[in-house]
Amino acid sequence: MTETTRHIIDIIRSIPPSKAASYRDVALAAGLPNGARQVARILHSMSKTQKLPWHRIIRADGHIALPVESGGDLQAALLKAEGVKVSKTLRIDMAQYSFFRPGKKINL
């Protein structure tokens, strides 16, 4: 596992229950301005083995990226269980639930 991968995993693990982050926000926090796809690959390949809170990572527009039939319904249910309001269109209000705020420092 590379140092960058470990750093991304640490950032994902730092997101507390009832908060969410976008793939882009995680990538930016890791110092990878074009790394959103890398975050998605790490989540896809390591969520189970690393026990990552994968359900807290969503698209930058607040929508769950997974189709309903491919895990989007599970992701919505997991977020709702943490107190996050998810709309019928599988969108959350990032202004309310985003872990990353402008100027916020993440201490890992």
PDB file of N, CA and C in Angstrom:
ATOM      1  N   MET A   1       0.849  -1.176   0.000  1.00  0.00           N
ATOM      2  CA  MET A   1       0.000   0.000   0.000  1.00  0.00           C
ATOM      3  C   MET A   1       0.896   1.241   0.000  1.00  0.00           C
ATOM      4  N   THR A   2       0.583   2.190  -0.857  1.00  0.00           N
ATOM      5  CA  THR A   2       1.402   3.397  -0.946  1.00  0.00           C
ATOM      6  C   THR A   2       1.073   4.358   0.193  1.00  0.00           C
ATOM      7  N   GLU A   3       1.943   5.302   0.397  1.00  0.00           N
ATOM      8  CA  GLU A   3       1.724   6.333   1.417  1.00  0.00           C
ATOM      9  C   GLU A   3       0.488   7.168   1.066  1.00  0.00           C
ATOM     10  N   THR A   4       0.300   7.452  -0.204  1.00  0.00           N
ATOM     11  CA  THR A   4      -0.872   8.218  -0.639  1.00  0.00           C
ATOM     12  C   THR A   4      -2.153   7.456  -0.332  1.00  0.00           C
ATOM     13  N   THR A   5      -2.169   6.168  -0.614  1.00  0.00           N
ATOM     14  CA  THR A   5      -3.346   5.349  -0.317  1.00  0.00           C
ATOM     15  C   THR A   5      -3.627   5.347   1.178  1.00  0.00           C
ATOM     16  N   ARG A   6      -2.596   5.189   1.990  1.00  0.00           N
ATOM     17  CA  ARG A   6      -2.772   5.213   3.447  1.00  0.00           C
ATOM     18  C   ARG A   6      -3.345   6.550   3.911  1.00  0.00           C
ATOM     19  N   HIS A   7      -2.862   7.629   3.297  1.00  0.00           N
ATOM     20  CA  HIS A   7      -3.338   8.969   3.666  1.00  0.00           C
ATOM     21  C   HIS A   7      -4.819   9.130   3.309  1.00  0.00           C
ATOM     22  N   ILE A   8      -5.206   8.672   2.142  1.00  0.00           N
ATOM     23  CA  ILE A   8      -6.612   8.747   1.728  1.00  0.00           C
ATOM     24  C   ILE A   8      -7.478   7.927   2.683  1.00  0.00           C
ATOM     25  N   ILE A   9      -7.029   6.752   3.034  1.00  0.00           N
ATOM     26  CA  ILE A   9      -7.763   5.900   3.975  1.00  0.00           C
ATOM     27  C   ILE A   9      -7.918   6.608   5.320  1.00  0.00           C
ATOM     28  N   ASP A  10      -6.869   7.238   5.806  1.00  0.00           N
ATOM     29  CA  ASP A  10      -6.937   7.971   7.081  1.00  0.00           C
ATOM     30  C   ASP A  10      -7.952   9.113   7.008  1.00  0.00           C
ATOM     31  N   ILE A  11      -7.977   9.805   5.895  1.00  0.00           N
ATOM     32  CA  ILE A  11      -8.934  10.906   5.725  1.00  0.00           C
ATOM     33  C   ILE A  11     -10.365  10.367   5.733  1.00  0.00           C
ATOM     34  N   ILE A  12     -10.607   9.297   5.006  1.00  0.00           N
ATOM     35  CA  ILE A  12     -11.945   8.703   4.976  1.00  0.00           C
ATOM     36  C   ILE A  12     -12.359   8.262   6.376  1.00  0.00           C
ATOM     37  N   ARG A  13     -11.452   7.650   7.098  1.00  0.00           N
ATOM     38  CA  ARG A  13     -11.760   7.197   8.464  1.00  0.00           C
ATOM     39  C   ARG A  13     -12.025   8.364   9.415  1.00  0.00           C
ATOM     40  N   SER A  14     -11.512   9.534   9.113  1.00  0.00           N
ATOM     41  CA  SER A  14     -11.691  10.693   9.992  1.00  0.00           C
ATOM     42  C   SER A  14     -13.078  11.321   9.875  1.00  0.00           C
ATOM     43  N   ILE A  15     -13.846  10.935   8.881  1.00  0.00           N
ATOM     44  CA  ILE A  15     -15.180  11.500   8.686  1.00  0.00           C
ATOM     45  C   ILE A  15     -16.127  10.846   9.692  1.00  0.00           C
ATOM     46  N   PRO A  16     -16.677  11.633  10.607  1.00  0.00           N
ATOM     47  CA  PRO A  16     -17.494  11.052  11.681  1.00  0.00           C
ATOM     48  C   PRO A  16     -18.912  10.700  11.210  1.00  0.00           C
ATOM     49  N   PRO A  17     -19.607   9.891  12.003  1.00  0.00           N
ATOM     50  CA  PRO A  17     -21.010   9.609  11.704  1.00  0.00           C
ATOM     51  C   PRO A  17     -21.801  10.913  11.584  1.00  0.00           C
ATOM     52  N   SER A  18     -22.791  10.903  10.735  1.00  0.00           N
ATOM     53  CA  SER A  18     -23.689  12.031  10.443  1.00  0.00           C
ATOM     54  C   SER A  18     -23.030  13.131   9.613  1.00  0.00           C
ATOM     55  N   LYS A  19     -21.859  12.844   9.067  1.00  0.00           N
ATOM     56  CA  LYS A  19     -21.193  13.773   8.153  1.00  0.00           C
ATOM     57  C   LYS A  19     -20.881  13.043   6.860  1.00  0.00           C
ATOM     58  N   ALA A  20     -20.624  13.800   5.806  1.00  0.00           N
ATOM     59  CA  ALA A  20     -20.295  13.226   4.503  1.00  0.00           C
ATOM     60  C   ALA A  20     -19.219  14.081   3.853  1.00  0.00           C
ATOM     61  N   ALA A  21     -18.611  13.525   2.831  1.00  0.00           N
ATOM     62  CA  ALA A  21     -17.608  14.249   2.055  1.00  0.00           C
ATOM     63  C   ALA A  21     -17.697  13.787   0.615  1.00  0.00           C
ATOM     64  N   SER A  22     -17.276  14.639  -0.278  1.00  0.00           N
ATOM     65  CA  SER A  22     -17.258  14.245  -1.685  1.00  0.00           C
ATOM     66  C   SER A  22     -15.927  13.574  -2.007  1.00  0.00           C
ATOM     67  N   TYR A  23     -15.938  12.826  -3.080  1.00  0.00           N
ATOM     68  CA  TYR A  23     -14.697  12.218  -3.564  1.00  0.00           C
ATOM     69  C   TYR A  23     -13.650  13.310  -3.764  1.00  0.00           C
ATOM     70  N   ARG A  24     -14.072  14.434  -4.325  1.00  0.00           N
ATOM     71  CA  ARG A  24     -13.174  15.553  -4.591  1.00  0.00           C
ATOM     72  C   ARG A  24     -12.607  16.122  -3.290  1.00  0.00           C
ATOM     73  N   ASP A  25     -13.451  16.290  -2.263  1.00  0.00           N
ATOM     74  CA  ASP A  25     -12.979  16.838  -0.995  1.00  0.00           C
ATOM     75  C   ASP A  25     -11.912  15.953  -0.361  1.00  0.00           C
ATOM     76  N   VAL A  26     -12.129  14.645  -0.417  1.00  0.00           N
ATOM     77  CA  VAL A  26     -11.146  13.711   0.136  1.00  0.00           C
ATOM     78  C   VAL A  26      -9.836  13.825  -0.642  1.00  0.00           C
ATOM     79  N   ALA A  27      -9.943  13.875  -1.960  1.00  0.00           N
ATOM     80  CA  ALA A  27      -8.746  13.996  -2.796  1.00  0.00           C
ATOM     81  C   ALA A  27      -7.994  15.292  -2.489  1.00  0.00           C
ATOM     82  N   LEU A  28      -8.720  16.399  -2.383  1.00  0.00           N
ATOM     83  CA  LEU A  28      -8.071  17.679  -2.071  1.00  0.00           C
ATOM     84  C   LEU A  28      -7.408  17.640  -0.700  1.00  0.00           C
ATOM     85  N   ALA A  29      -8.067  17.030   0.282  1.00  0.00           N
ATOM     86  CA  ALA A  29      -7.476  16.919   1.619  1.00  0.00           C
ATOM     87  C   ALA A  29      -6.202  16.083   1.590  1.00  0.00           C
ATOM     88  N   ALA A  30      -6.118  15.163   0.632  1.00  0.00           N
ATOM     89  CA  ALA A  30      -4.929  14.326   0.482  1.00  0.00           C
ATOM     90  C   ALA A  30      -3.860  14.990  -0.377  1.00  0.00           C
ATOM     91  N   GLY A  31      -4.150  16.200  -0.870  1.00  0.00           N
ATOM     92  CA  GLY A  31      -3.187  16.913  -1.702  1.00  0.00           C
ATOM     93  C   GLY A  31      -3.194  16.476  -3.150  1.00  0.00           C
ATOM     94  N   LEU A  32      -4.320  15.911  -3.594  1.00  0.00           N
ATOM     95  CA  LEU A  32      -4.452  15.421  -4.970  1.00  0.00           C
ATOM     96  C   LEU A  32      -5.577  16.165  -5.677  1.00  0.00           C
ATOM     97  N   PRO A  33      -5.304  17.315  -6.279  1.00  0.00           N
ATOM     98  CA  PRO A  33      -6.370  18.115  -6.879  1.00  0.00           C
ATOM     99  C   PRO A  33      -7.169  17.403  -7.969  1.00  0.00           C
ATOM    100  N   ASN A  34      -6.599  16.403  -8.599  1.00  0.00           N
ATOM    101  CA  ASN A  34      -7.314  15.644  -9.632  1.00  0.00           C
ATOM    102  C   ASN A  34      -7.474  14.184  -9.221  1.00  0.00           C
ATOM    103  N   GLY A  35      -7.617  13.936  -7.927  1.00  0.00           N
ATOM    104  CA  GLY A  35      -7.595  12.573  -7.426  1.00  0.00           C
ATOM    105  C   GLY A  35      -8.932  11.954  -7.050  1.00  0.00           C
ATOM    106  N   ALA A  36     -10.053  12.548  -7.463  1.00  0.00           N
ATOM    107  CA  ALA A  36     -11.366  12.005  -7.082  1.00  0.00           C
ATOM    108  C   ALA A  36     -11.536  10.557  -7.546  1.00  0.00           C
ATOM    109  N   ARG A  37     -11.082  10.250  -8.739  1.00  0.00           N
ATOM    110  CA  ARG A  37     -11.200   8.867  -9.228  1.00  0.00           C
ATOM    111  C   ARG A  37     -10.330   7.911  -8.426  1.00  0.00           C
ATOM    112  N   GLN A  38      -9.189   8.383  -7.980  1.00  0.00           N
ATOM    113  CA  GLN A  38      -8.332   7.542  -7.145  1.00  0.00           C
ATOM    114  C   GLN A  38      -9.044   7.223  -5.823  1.00  0.00           C
ATOM    115  N   VAL A  39      -9.733   8.200  -5.258  1.00  0.00           N
ATOM    116  CA  VAL A  39     -10.514   7.976  -4.041  1.00  0.00           C
ATOM    117  C   VAL A  39     -11.591   6.925  -4.311  1.00  0.00           C
ATOM    118  N   ALA A  40     -12.276   7.049  -5.437  1.00  0.00           N
ATOM    119  CA  ALA A  40     -13.318   6.079  -5.794  1.00  0.00           C
ATOM    120  C   ALA A  40     -12.730   4.672  -5.937  1.00  0.00           C
ATOM    121  N   ARG A  41     -11.568   4.556  -6.559  1.00  0.00           N
ATOM    122  CA  ARG A  41     -10.935   3.237  -6.718  1.00  0.00           C
ATOM    123  C   ARG A  41     -10.557   2.631  -5.367  1.00  0.00           C
ATOM    124  N   ILE A  42     -10.037   3.450  -4.482  1.00  0.00           N
ATOM    125  CA  ILE A  42      -9.676   2.962  -3.149  1.00  0.00           C
ATOM    126  C   ILE A  42     -10.926   2.489  -2.409  1.00  0.00           C
ATOM    127  N   LEU A  43     -11.989   3.266  -2.483  1.00  0.00           N
ATOM    128  CA  LEU A  43     -13.232   2.853  -1.832  1.00  0.00           C
ATOM    129  C   LEU A  43     -13.749   1.543  -2.416  1.00  0.00           C
ATOM    130  N   HIS A  44     -13.711   1.437  -3.723  1.00  0.00           N
ATOM    131  CA  HIS A  44     -14.226   0.232  -4.385  1.00  0.00           C
ATOM    132  C   HIS A  44     -13.404  -1.008  -4.008  1.00  0.00           C
ATOM    133  N   SER A  45     -12.105  -0.853  -3.960  1.00  0.00           N
ATOM    134  CA  SER A  45     -11.255  -2.023  -3.751  1.00  0.00           C
ATOM    135  C   SER A  45     -10.912  -2.318  -2.293  1.00  0.00           C
ATOM    136  N   MET A  46     -11.063  -1.341  -1.399  1.00  0.00           N
ATOM    137  CA  MET A  46     -10.580  -1.540  -0.037  1.00  0.00           C
ATOM    138  C   MET A  46     -11.603  -1.290   1.064  1.00  0.00           C
ATOM    139  N   SER A  47     -12.823  -0.935   0.731  1.00  0.00           N
ATOM    140  CA  SER A  47     -13.803  -0.610   1.773  1.00  0.00           C
ATOM    141  C   SER A  47     -14.009  -1.753   2.750  1.00  0.00           C
ATOM    142  N   LYS A  48     -14.131  -2.968   2.235  1.00  0.00           N
ATOM    143  CA  LYS A  48     -14.366  -4.112   3.123  1.00  0.00           C
ATOM    144  C   LYS A  48     -13.119  -4.471   3.920  1.00  0.00           C
ATOM    145  N   THR A  49     -11.995  -4.614   3.246  1.00  0.00           N
ATOM    146  CA  THR A  49     -10.785  -5.056   3.935  1.00  0.00           C
ATOM    147  C   THR A  49     -10.280  -4.030   4.943  1.00  0.00           C
ATOM    148  N   GLN A  50     -10.467  -2.749   4.651  1.00  0.00           N
ATOM    149  CA  GLN A  50     -10.003  -1.683   5.543  1.00  0.00           C
ATOM    150  C   GLN A  50     -11.120  -1.166   6.461  1.00  0.00           C
ATOM    151  N   LYS A  51     -12.319  -1.740   6.317  1.00  0.00           N
ATOM    152  CA  LYS A  51     -13.480  -1.343   7.132  1.00  0.00           C
ATOM    153  C   LYS A  51     -13.705   0.169   7.075  1.00  0.00           C
ATOM    154  N   LEU A  52     -13.800   0.683   5.851  1.00  0.00           N
ATOM    155  CA  LEU A  52     -13.974   2.117   5.635  1.00  0.00           C
ATOM    156  C   LEU A  52     -15.451   2.505   5.686  1.00  0.00           C
ATOM    157  N   PRO A  53     -15.761   3.691   6.185  1.00  0.00           N
ATOM    158  CA  PRO A  53     -17.135   4.190   6.158  1.00  0.00           C
ATOM    159  C   PRO A  53     -17.472   4.729   4.760  1.00  0.00           C
ATOM    160  N   TRP A  54     -17.490   3.821   3.800  1.00  0.00           N
ATOM    161  CA  TRP A  54     -17.655   4.149   2.382  1.00  0.00           C
ATOM    162  C   TRP A  54     -18.930   4.938   2.119  1.00  0.00           C
ATOM    163  N   HIS A  55     -19.943   4.689   2.913  1.00  0.00           N
ATOM    164  CA  HIS A  55     -21.246   5.321   2.680  1.00  0.00           C
ATOM    165  C   HIS A  55     -21.226   6.823   2.912  1.00  0.00           C
ATOM    166  N   ARG A  56     -20.202   7.336   3.555  1.00  0.00           N
ATOM    167  CA  ARG A  56     -20.106   8.777   3.826  1.00  0.00           C
ATOM    168  C   ARG A  56     -19.471   9.562   2.678  1.00  0.00           C
ATOM    169  N   ILE A  57     -19.068   8.873   1.623  1.00  0.00           N
ATOM    170  CA  ILE A  57     -18.441   9.535   0.479  1.00  0.00           C
ATOM    171  C   ILE A  57     -19.449   9.580  -0.663  1.00  0.00           C
ATOM    172  N   ILE A  58     -19.730  10.792  -1.137  1.00  0.00           N
ATOM    173  CA  ILE A  58     -20.744  10.990  -2.174  1.00  0.00           C
ATOM    174  C   ILE A  58     -20.220  11.955  -3.236  1.00  0.00           C
ATOM    175  N   ARG A  59     -21.042  12.227  -4.223  1.00  0.00           N
ATOM    176  CA  ARG A  59     -20.642  13.174  -5.274  1.00  0.00           C
ATOM    177  C   ARG A  59     -20.627  14.599  -4.722  1.00  0.00           C
ATOM    178  N   ALA A  60     -19.899  15.461  -5.371  1.00  0.00           N
ATOM    179  CA  ALA A  60     -19.772  16.848  -4.925  1.00  0.00           C
ATOM    180  C   ALA A  60     -21.102  17.592  -4.942  1.00  0.00           C
ATOM    181  N   ASP A  61     -22.028  17.163  -5.786  1.00  0.00           N
ATOM    182  CA  ASP A  61     -23.337  17.825  -5.849  1.00  0.00           C
ATOM    183  C   ASP A  61     -24.302  17.315  -4.780  1.00  0.00           C
ATOM    184  N   GLY A  62     -23.830  16.405  -3.909  1.00  0.00           N
ATOM    185  CA  GLY A  62     -24.662  15.890  -2.831  1.00  0.00           C
ATOM    186  C   GLY A  62     -25.390  14.604  -3.145  1.00  0.00           C
ATOM    187  N   HIS A  63     -25.293  14.126  -4.370  1.00  0.00           N
ATOM    188  CA  HIS A  63     -25.981  12.899  -4.754  1.00  0.00           C
ATOM    189  C   HIS A  63     -25.137  11.661  -4.453  1.00  0.00           C
ATOM    190  N   ILE A  64     -25.833  10.598  -4.122  1.00  0.00           N
ATOM    191  CA  ILE A  64     -25.191   9.299  -3.998  1.00  0.00           C
ATOM    192  C   ILE A  64     -24.835   8.845  -5.404  1.00  0.00           C
ATOM    193  N   ALA A  65     -23.594   8.426  -5.605  1.00  0.00           N
ATOM    194  CA  ALA A  65     -23.124   8.063  -6.944  1.00  0.00           C
ATOM    195  C   ALA A  65     -23.630   6.700  -7.403  1.00  0.00           C
ATOM    196  N   LEU A  66     -23.868   5.800  -6.461  1.00  0.00           N
ATOM    197  CA  LEU A  66     -24.287   4.442  -6.829  1.00  0.00           C
ATOM    198  C   LEU A  66     -25.748   4.412  -7.267  1.00  0.00           C
ATOM    199  N   PRO A  67     -26.045   3.634  -8.297  1.00  0.00           N
ATOM    200  CA  PRO A  67     -27.455   3.442  -8.653  1.00  0.00           C
ATOM    201  C   PRO A  67     -28.173   2.723  -7.512  1.00  0.00           C
ATOM    202  N   VAL A  68     -29.467   2.952  -7.383  1.00  0.00           N
ATOM    203  CA  VAL A  68     -30.249   2.344  -6.308  1.00  0.00           C
ATOM    204  C   VAL A  68     -30.043   0.837  -6.251  1.00  0.00           C
ATOM    205  N   GLU A  69     -30.139   0.179  -7.390  1.00  0.00           N
ATOM    206  CA  GLU A  69     -30.052  -1.282  -7.430  1.00  0.00           C
ATOM    207  C   GLU A  69     -28.640  -1.821  -7.215  1.00  0.00           C
ATOM    208  N   SER A  70     -27.636  -0.944  -7.230  1.00  0.00           N
ATOM    209  CA  SER A  70     -26.244  -1.381  -7.055  1.00  0.00           C
ATOM    210  C   SER A  70     -25.626  -0.866  -5.766  1.00  0.00           C
ATOM    211  N   GLY A  71     -26.436  -0.590  -4.783  1.00  0.00           N
ATOM    212  CA  GLY A  71     -25.914  -0.158  -3.498  1.00  0.00           C
ATOM    213  C   GLY A  71     -26.327   1.225  -3.065  1.00  0.00           C
ATOM    214  N   GLY A  72     -26.936   1.984  -3.954  1.00  0.00           N
ATOM    215  CA  GLY A  72     -27.373   3.331  -3.595  1.00  0.00           C
ATOM    216  C   GLY A  72     -28.413   3.313  -2.489  1.00  0.00           C
ATOM    217  N   ASP A  73     -29.304   2.315  -2.527  1.00  0.00           N
ATOM    218  CA  ASP A  73     -30.323   2.201  -1.480  1.00  0.00           C
ATOM    219  C   ASP A  73     -29.682   1.865  -0.131  1.00  0.00           C
ATOM    220  N   LEU A  74     -28.663   1.008  -0.125  1.00  0.00           N
ATOM    221  CA  LEU A  74     -27.946   0.675   1.104  1.00  0.00           C
ATOM    222  C   LEU A  74     -27.202   1.900   1.632  1.00  0.00           C
ATOM    223  N   GLN A  75     -26.547   2.624   0.745  1.00  0.00           N
ATOM    224  CA  GLN A  75     -25.816   3.820   1.156  1.00  0.00           C
ATOM    225  C   GLN A  75     -26.769   4.835   1.779  1.00  0.00           C
ATOM    226  N   ALA A  76     -27.930   5.039   1.159  1.00  0.00           N
ATOM    227  CA  ALA A  76     -28.919   5.965   1.703  1.00  0.00           C
ATOM    228  C   ALA A  76     -29.383   5.500   3.080  1.00  0.00           C
ATOM    229  N   ALA A  77     -29.629   4.206   3.231  1.00  0.00           N
ATOM    230  CA  ALA A  77     -30.085   3.666   4.516  1.00  0.00           C
ATOM    231  C   ALA A  77     -29.024   3.853   5.601  1.00  0.00           C
ATOM    232  N   LEU A  78     -27.761   3.634   5.265  1.00  0.00           N
ATOM    233  CA  LEU A  78     -26.677   3.807   6.237  1.00  0.00           C
ATOM    234  C   LEU A  78     -26.543   5.270   6.664  1.00  0.00           C
ATOM    235  N   LEU A  79     -26.664   6.176   5.699  1.00  0.00           N
ATOM    236  CA  LEU A  79     -26.602   7.604   6.026  1.00  0.00           C
ATOM    237  C   LEU A  79     -27.791   8.003   6.900  1.00  0.00           C
ATOM    238  N   LYS A  80     -28.978   7.536   6.541  1.00  0.00           N
ATOM    239  CA  LYS A  80     -30.183   7.851   7.333  1.00  0.00           C
ATOM    240  C   LYS A  80     -30.044   7.322   8.754  1.00  0.00           C
ATOM    241  N   ALA A  81     -29.465   6.146   8.918  1.00  0.00           N
ATOM    242  CA  ALA A  81     -29.275   5.558  10.247  1.00  0.00           C
ATOM    243  C   ALA A  81     -28.357   6.421  11.122  1.00  0.00           C
ATOM    244  N   GLU A  82     -27.529   7.236  10.482  1.00  0.00           N
ATOM    245  CA  GLU A  82     -26.637   8.148  11.211  1.00  0.00           C
ATOM    246  C   GLU A  82     -27.263   9.533  11.402  1.00  0.00           C
ATOM    247  N   GLY A  83     -28.489   9.704  10.931  1.00  0.00           N
ATOM    248  CA  GLY A  83     -29.177  10.976  11.108  1.00  0.00           C
ATOM    249  C   GLY A  83     -29.081  11.930   9.938  1.00  0.00           C
ATOM    250  N   VAL A  84     -28.548  11.474   8.823  1.00  0.00           N
ATOM    251  CA  VAL A  84     -28.438  12.309   7.630  1.00  0.00           C
ATOM    252  C   VAL A  84     -29.751  12.217   6.843  1.00  0.00           C
ATOM    253  N   LYS A  85     -30.309  13.352   6.502  1.00  0.00           N
ATOM    254  CA  LYS A  85     -31.530  13.361   5.695  1.00  0.00           C
ATOM    255  C   LYS A  85     -31.161  13.151   4.237  1.00  0.00           C
ATOM    256  N   VAL A  86     -31.742  12.132   3.632  1.00  0.00           N
ATOM    257  CA  VAL A  86     -31.497  11.794   2.230  1.00  0.00           C
ATOM    258  C   VAL A  86     -32.814  11.958   1.484  1.00  0.00           C
ATOM    259  N   SER A  87     -32.792  12.724   0.395  1.00  0.00           N
ATOM    260  CA  SER A  87     -34.018  12.966  -0.368  1.00  0.00           C
ATOM    261  C   SER A  87     -34.410  11.737  -1.186  1.00  0.00           C
ATOM    262  N   LYS A  88     -35.586  11.794  -1.770  1.00  0.00           N
ATOM    263  CA  LYS A  88     -36.061  10.700  -2.625  1.00  0.00           C
ATOM    264  C   LYS A  88     -35.179  10.527  -3.854  1.00  0.00           C
ATOM    265  N   THR A  89     -34.466  11.593  -4.229  1.00  0.00           N
ATOM    266  CA  THR A  89     -33.557  11.518  -5.374  1.00  0.00           C
ATOM    267  C   THR A  89     -32.138  11.143  -4.947  1.00  0.00           C
ATOM    268  N   LEU A  90     -32.007  10.657  -3.709  1.00  0.00           N
ATOM    269  CA  LEU A  90     -30.723  10.227  -3.141  1.00  0.00           C
ATOM    270  C   LEU A  90     -29.702  11.359  -3.084  1.00  0.00           C
ATOM    271  N   ARG A  91     -30.157  12.481  -2.589  1.00  0.00           N
ATOM    272  CA  ARG A  91     -29.290  13.647  -2.438  1.00  0.00           C
ATOM    273  C   ARG A  91     -29.317  14.105  -0.987  1.00  0.00           C
ATOM    274  N   ILE A  92     -28.152  14.565  -0.509  1.00  0.00           N
ATOM    275  CA  ILE A  92     -28.098  15.166   0.816  1.00  0.00           C
ATOM    276  C   ILE A  92     -27.670  16.621   0.689  1.00  0.00           C
ATOM    277  N   ASP A  93     -27.976  17.402   1.696  1.00  0.00           N
ATOM    278  CA  ASP A  93     -27.634  18.816   1.725  1.00  0.00           C
ATOM    279  C   ASP A  93     -26.197  18.956   2.224  1.00  0.00           C
ATOM    280  N   MET A  94     -25.289  19.177   1.304  1.00  0.00           N
ATOM    281  CA  MET A  94     -23.873  19.270   1.674  1.00  0.00           C
ATOM    282  C   MET A  94     -23.583  20.493   2.547  1.00  0.00           C
ATOM    283  N   ALA A  95     -24.390  21.538   2.435  1.00  0.00           N
ATOM    284  CA  ALA A  95     -24.181  22.700   3.300  1.00  0.00           C
ATOM    285  C   ALA A  95     -24.395  22.316   4.761  1.00  0.00           C
ATOM    286  N   GLN A  96     -25.258  21.356   5.004  1.00  0.00           N
ATOM    287  CA  GLN A  96     -25.542  20.918   6.367  1.00  0.00           C
ATOM    288  C   GLN A  96     -24.650  19.772   6.822  1.00  0.00           C
ATOM    289  N   TYR A  97     -24.361  18.813   5.939  1.00  0.00           N
ATOM    290  CA  TYR A  97     -23.710  17.575   6.358  1.00  0.00           C
ATOM    291  C   TYR A  97     -22.246  17.416   5.960  1.00  0.00           C
ATOM    292  N   SER A  98     -21.704  18.365   5.204  1.00  0.00           N
ATOM    293  CA  SER A  98     -20.321  18.225   4.756  1.00  0.00           C
ATOM    294  C   SER A  98     -19.335  18.296   5.927  1.00  0.00           C
ATOM    295  N   PHE A  99     -18.426  17.348   5.959  1.00  0.00           N
ATOM    296  CA  PHE A  99     -17.364  17.337   6.957  1.00  0.00           C
ATOM    297  C   PHE A  99     -16.330  18.412   6.659  1.00  0.00           C
ATOM    298  N   PHE A 100     -16.093  18.656   5.390  1.00  0.00           N
ATOM    299  CA  PHE A 100     -15.093  19.637   4.975  1.00  0.00           C
ATOM    300  C   PHE A 100     -15.758  20.990   4.759  1.00  0.00           C
ATOM    301  N   ARG A 101     -15.287  21.966   5.462  1.00  0.00           N
ATOM    302  CA  ARG A 101     -15.771  23.346   5.320  1.00  0.00           C
ATOM    303  C   ARG A 101     -14.606  24.179   4.797  1.00  0.00           C
ATOM    304  N   PRO A 102     -14.910  25.244   4.059  1.00  0.00           N
ATOM    305  CA  PRO A 102     -13.814  26.093   3.584  1.00  0.00           C
ATOM    306  C   PRO A 102     -12.936  26.556   4.744  1.00  0.00           C
ATOM    307  N   GLY A 103     -11.652  26.350   4.594  1.00  0.00           N
ATOM    308  CA  GLY A 103     -10.684  26.789   5.602  1.00  0.00           C
ATOM    309  C   GLY A 103     -10.521  25.834   6.775  1.00  0.00           C
ATOM    310  N   LYS A 104     -11.311  24.748   6.819  1.00  0.00           N
ATOM    311  CA  LYS A 104     -11.221  23.811   7.939  1.00  0.00           C
ATOM    312  C   LYS A 104      -9.982  22.948   7.776  1.00  0.00           C
ATOM    313  N   LYS A 105      -9.194  22.857   8.814  1.00  0.00           N
ATOM    314  CA  LYS A 105      -8.016  21.993   8.815  1.00  0.00           C
ATOM    315  C   LYS A 105      -8.408  20.622   9.347  1.00  0.00           C
ATOM    316  N   ILE A 106      -7.902  19.588   8.720  1.00  0.00           N
ATOM    317  CA  ILE A 106      -8.153  18.209   9.154  1.00  0.00           C
ATOM    318  C   ILE A 106      -6.878  17.710   9.808  1.00  0.00           C
ATOM    319  N   ASN A 107      -6.958  17.417  11.082  1.00  0.00           N
ATOM    320  CA  ASN A 107      -5.799  16.899  11.807  1.00  0.00           C
ATOM    321  C   ASN A 107      -5.881  15.386  11.881  1.00  0.00           C
ATOM    322  N   LEU A 108      -4.924  14.713  11.259  1.00  0.00           N
ATOM    323  CA  LEU A 108      -4.898  13.249  11.277  1.00  0.00           C
ATOM    324  C   LEU A 108      -3.752  12.755  12.114  1.00  0.00           C
TER     325      LEU A 108
END
